Amino acid sequence: MRNEVASKYSRALFELGKDHDNLLNLKSDLDEFWQLVLENEDLNELLFHQRIMPEDKKRTLDKIFADELNQDILNFLFILIDKRREFFLESIIKEFNSLVDDAESILHVEVTSAVELKSSILDKLKAKLDSLLDYNIQIENKVDEEIIAGIVLKIEDYIIDGSLRNELSSLKQKLKAIPVSKLGVN
């Protein structure tokens, strides 16, 4: 049921965004709202508490976000609350973001490095990937000291591992595959 609800409501919001030519703004506002829900315990409680009446939820959200969020997003949230579908919001947002990414040819690339990469390096990497992939690349840099050096690119389900950790692991496997007799050890 969660997938059906997410698909139905995300498609409705997507069509609204297409009609108003503001898909990226809706996506940004919705992501910003969701981040606030995750970070703010009181907002989370307000939105998801079953004993708070829908009218109270909507009135409070309107007071807080009337000047902060796109009116289409607020109206969408109000519909979810009226239909008691706010509990599906996370799935709806994920599905909506996926629809927008497809429509706008956005490709998310996760770049993992041993240290935080300078913006100039990320810009060069983005430009190179843009030229190769014909997508609007959005890069997120993550730090993992365990990769030692190099970078690991994750593009959807594909991983390109150019890390020193991977090279050392590969070398270790090759060394293990050499028969002991060839190493000159008896």
Protein backbone atom coordinates (compact mmCIF):
# COMPACT_ATOMS: atom_id res chain seq x y z
CA MET A 1 0.00 0.00 0.00
CA ARG A 2 2.87 2.37 0.81
CA ASN A 3 4.16 2.18 -2.77
CA GLU A 4 0.70 2.79 -4.24
CA VAL A 5 0.12 5.82 -2.04
CA ALA A 6 3.61 7.18 -2.71
CA SER A 7 3.18 6.73 -6.44
CA LYS A 8 -0.28 8.33 -6.54
CA TYR A 9 0.58 11.42 -4.50
CA SER A 10 4.08 11.93 -5.92
CA ARG A 11 2.69 11.80 -9.46
CA ALA A 12 0.00 14.32 -8.57
CA LEU A 13 2.60 16.73 -7.15
CA PHE A 14 4.84 16.08 -10.15
CA GLU A 15 2.06 16.96 -12.59
CA LEU A 16 1.29 20.11 -10.61
CA GLY A 17 4.95 21.09 -10.74
CA LYS A 18 5.07 20.46 -14.49
CA ASP A 19 1.95 22.54 -15.02
CA HIS A 20 3.41 25.44 -13.02
CA ASP A 21 6.91 24.90 -14.46
CA ASN A 22 8.50 24.77 -11.00
CA LEU A 23 9.54 21.15 -10.42
CA LEU A 24 12.97 22.04 -9.07
CA ASN A 25 11.53 24.63 -6.66
CA LEU A 26 8.98 22.13 -5.37
CA LYS A 27 11.69 19.54 -4.94
CA SER A 28 13.90 21.97 -3.06
CA ASP A 29 11.10 23.14 -0.75
CA LEU A 30 9.90 19.62 -0.08
CA ASP A 31 13.43 18.42 0.71
CA GLU A 32 13.99 21.40 2.99
CA PHE A 33 10.70 20.73 4.79
CA TRP A 34 11.54 17.03 5.23
CA GLN A 35 14.98 17.88 6.62
CA LEU A 36 13.31 20.13 9.20
CA VAL A 37 10.90 17.34 10.12
CA LEU A 38 13.82 14.98 10.67
CA GLU A 39 15.81 17.49 12.72
CA ASN A 40 13.02 19.01 14.80
CA GLU A 41 11.34 16.72 17.31
CA ASP A 42 8.42 19.10 17.91
CA LEU A 43 7.66 19.41 14.20
CA ASN A 44 7.93 15.64 13.81
CA GLU A 45 5.54 15.16 16.73
CA LEU A 46 3.08 17.68 15.29
CA LEU A 47 3.06 16.10 11.87
CA PHE A 48 2.85 12.46 12.88
CA HIS A 49 0.95 12.42 16.17
CA GLN A 50 -2.35 10.64 15.61
CA ARG A 51 -4.24 12.50 18.32
CA ILE A 52 -3.57 15.95 16.92
CA MET A 53 -6.53 16.94 14.79
CA PRO A 54 -5.88 17.64 11.10
CA GLU A 55 -7.13 21.23 11.40
CA ASP A 56 -4.68 21.90 14.22
CA LYS A 57 -1.82 20.41 12.21
CA LYS A 58 -2.67 22.49 9.17
CA ARG A 59 -3.15 25.70 11.15
CA THR A 60 0.22 25.26 12.88
CA LEU A 61 2.05 24.39 9.65
CA ASP A 62 0.49 27.40 7.96
CA LYS A 63 1.65 29.71 10.78
CA ILE A 64 5.18 28.34 10.65
CA PHE A 65 5.68 27.91 6.91
CA ALA A 66 3.33 30.35 5.14
CA ASP A 67 6.23 32.64 4.20
CA GLU A 68 8.86 29.90 3.93
CA LEU A 69 7.42 27.26 1.61
CA ASN A 70 5.87 27.35 -1.82
CA GLN A 71 2.07 27.51 -1.48
CA ASP A 72 1.75 24.40 -3.66
CA ILE A 73 3.82 22.45 -1.12
CA LEU A 74 1.74 23.72 1.78
CA ASN A 75 -1.48 22.81 -0.03
CA PHE A 76 -0.04 19.40 -0.84
CA LEU A 77 0.83 18.84 2.83
CA PHE A 78 -2.67 19.93 3.81
CA ILE A 79 -4.18 17.37 1.43
CA LEU A 80 -1.96 14.65 2.89
CA ILE A 81 -3.06 15.63 6.40
CA ASP A 82 -6.76 15.74 5.44
CA LYS A 83 -6.48 12.28 3.89
CA ARG A 84 -4.38 11.01 6.83
CA ARG A 85 -1.55 10.23 4.43
CA GLU A 86 1.18 12.23 6.17
CA PHE A 87 2.64 8.93 7.41
CA PHE A 88 3.62 8.18 3.80
CA LEU A 89 5.45 11.49 3.35
CA GLU A 90 8.96 10.04 3.27
CA SER A 91 8.03 7.54 0.54
CA ILE A 92 6.15 10.21 -1.39
CA ILE A 93 9.17 12.53 -1.28
CA LYS A 94 11.53 9.79 -2.47
CA GLU A 95 9.23 8.91 -5.36
CA PHE A 96 8.68 12.59 -6.25
CA ASN A 97 12.43 13.28 -6.23
CA SER A 98 12.99 10.31 -8.51
CA LEU A 99 10.37 11.60 -10.96
CA VAL A 100 11.93 15.08 -10.96
CA ASP A 101 15.44 13.69 -11.41
CA ASP A 102 14.28 11.68 -14.43
CA ALA A 103 12.41 14.61 -15.95
CA GLU A 104 15.28 17.05 -15.42
CA SER A 105 18.07 14.55 -16.33
CA ILE A 106 19.64 14.89 -12.90
CA LEU A 107 22.15 12.25 -11.88
CA HIS A 108 23.41 12.08 -8.31
CA VAL A 109 27.04 11.06 -7.90
CA GLU A 110 28.52 10.25 -4.52
CA VAL A 111 32.25 10.91 -4.39
CA THR A 112 34.02 9.35 -1.43
CA SER A 113 37.55 10.43 -0.61
CA ALA A 114 39.94 10.12 2.32
CA VAL A 115 39.80 13.90 2.85
CA GLU A 116 37.31 16.64 2.00
CA LEU A 117 37.86 17.58 -1.65
CA LYS A 118 38.32 21.22 -2.64
CA SER A 119 35.46 22.75 -4.57
CA SER A 120 37.76 23.33 -7.56
CA ILE A 121 38.47 19.58 -7.78
CA LEU A 122 34.77 18.74 -7.44
CA ASP A 123 33.96 21.30 -10.16
CA LYS A 124 36.49 19.69 -12.52
CA LEU A 125 35.10 16.23 -11.77
CA LYS A 126 31.55 17.50 -12.34
CA ALA A 127 32.55 19.08 -15.67
CA LYS A 128 34.20 15.84 -16.80
CA LEU A 129 31.19 13.73 -15.80
CA ASP A 130 28.82 16.25 -17.45
CA SER A 131 30.71 15.90 -20.73
CA LEU A 132 30.75 12.09 -20.54
CA LEU A 133 27.24 11.35 -19.32
CA ASP A 134 24.88 13.98 -20.81
CA TYR A 135 23.21 14.54 -17.43
CA ASN A 136 23.01 17.38 -14.97
CA ILE A 137 25.44 15.96 -12.42
CA GLN A 138 24.96 16.70 -8.73
CA ILE A 139 27.95 15.70 -6.62
CA GLU A 140 27.96 14.88 -2.93
CA ASN A 141 31.40 14.53 -1.34
CA LYS A 142 31.71 12.08 1.55
CA VAL A 143 34.81 11.48 3.61
CA ASP A 144 36.01 7.98 4.54
CA GLU A 145 39.55 7.90 5.88
CA GLU A 146 39.66 4.12 5.43
CA ILE A 147 40.02 4.41 1.66
CA ILE A 148 43.52 5.83 2.38
CA ALA A 149 43.82 7.74 -0.93
CA GLY A 150 42.05 8.09 -4.28
CA ILE A 151 38.30 8.31 -4.75
CA VAL A 152 35.28 6.06 -5.02
CA LEU A 153 32.44 7.13 -7.32
CA LYS A 154 28.95 5.81 -6.74
CA ILE A 155 26.53 6.49 -9.58
CA GLU A 156 23.16 4.89 -8.81
CA ASP A 157 24.01 1.18 -8.49
CA TYR A 158 27.45 1.46 -10.10
CA ILE A 159 30.65 1.86 -8.11
CA ILE A 160 33.97 2.91 -9.60
CA ASP A 161 36.58 2.24 -6.95
CA GLY A 162 39.85 4.04 -7.53
CA SER A 163 40.91 3.96 -3.91
CA LEU A 164 44.23 2.80 -2.54
CA ARG A 165 42.32 0.51 -0.18
CA ASN A 166 40.84 -1.27 -3.20
CA GLU A 167 44.25 -1.54 -4.89
CA LEU A 168 45.82 -3.00 -1.73
CA SER A 169 42.96 -5.46 -1.37
CA SER A 170 43.40 -6.53 -4.99
CA LEU A 171 47.14 -6.95 -4.48
CA LYS A 172 46.49 -9.01 -1.35
CA GLN A 173 44.17 -11.33 -3.32
CA LYS A 174 46.79 -11.74 -6.06
CA LEU A 175 49.46 -12.59 -3.50
CA LYS A 176 47.19 -15.15 -1.86
CA ALA A 177 46.63 -16.79 -5.26
CA ILE A 178 50.35 -17.41 -5.79
CA PRO A 179 51.23 -20.98 -4.79
CA VAL A 180 53.63 -21.16 -1.84
CA SER A 181 56.10 -23.20 -3.91
CA LYS A 182 56.53 -20.29 -6.34
CA LEU A 183 57.40 -17.91 -3.52
CA GLY A 184 60.53 -19.90 -2.71
CA VAL A 185 59.18 -20.92 0.66
CA ASN A 186 59.34 -24.62 1.54
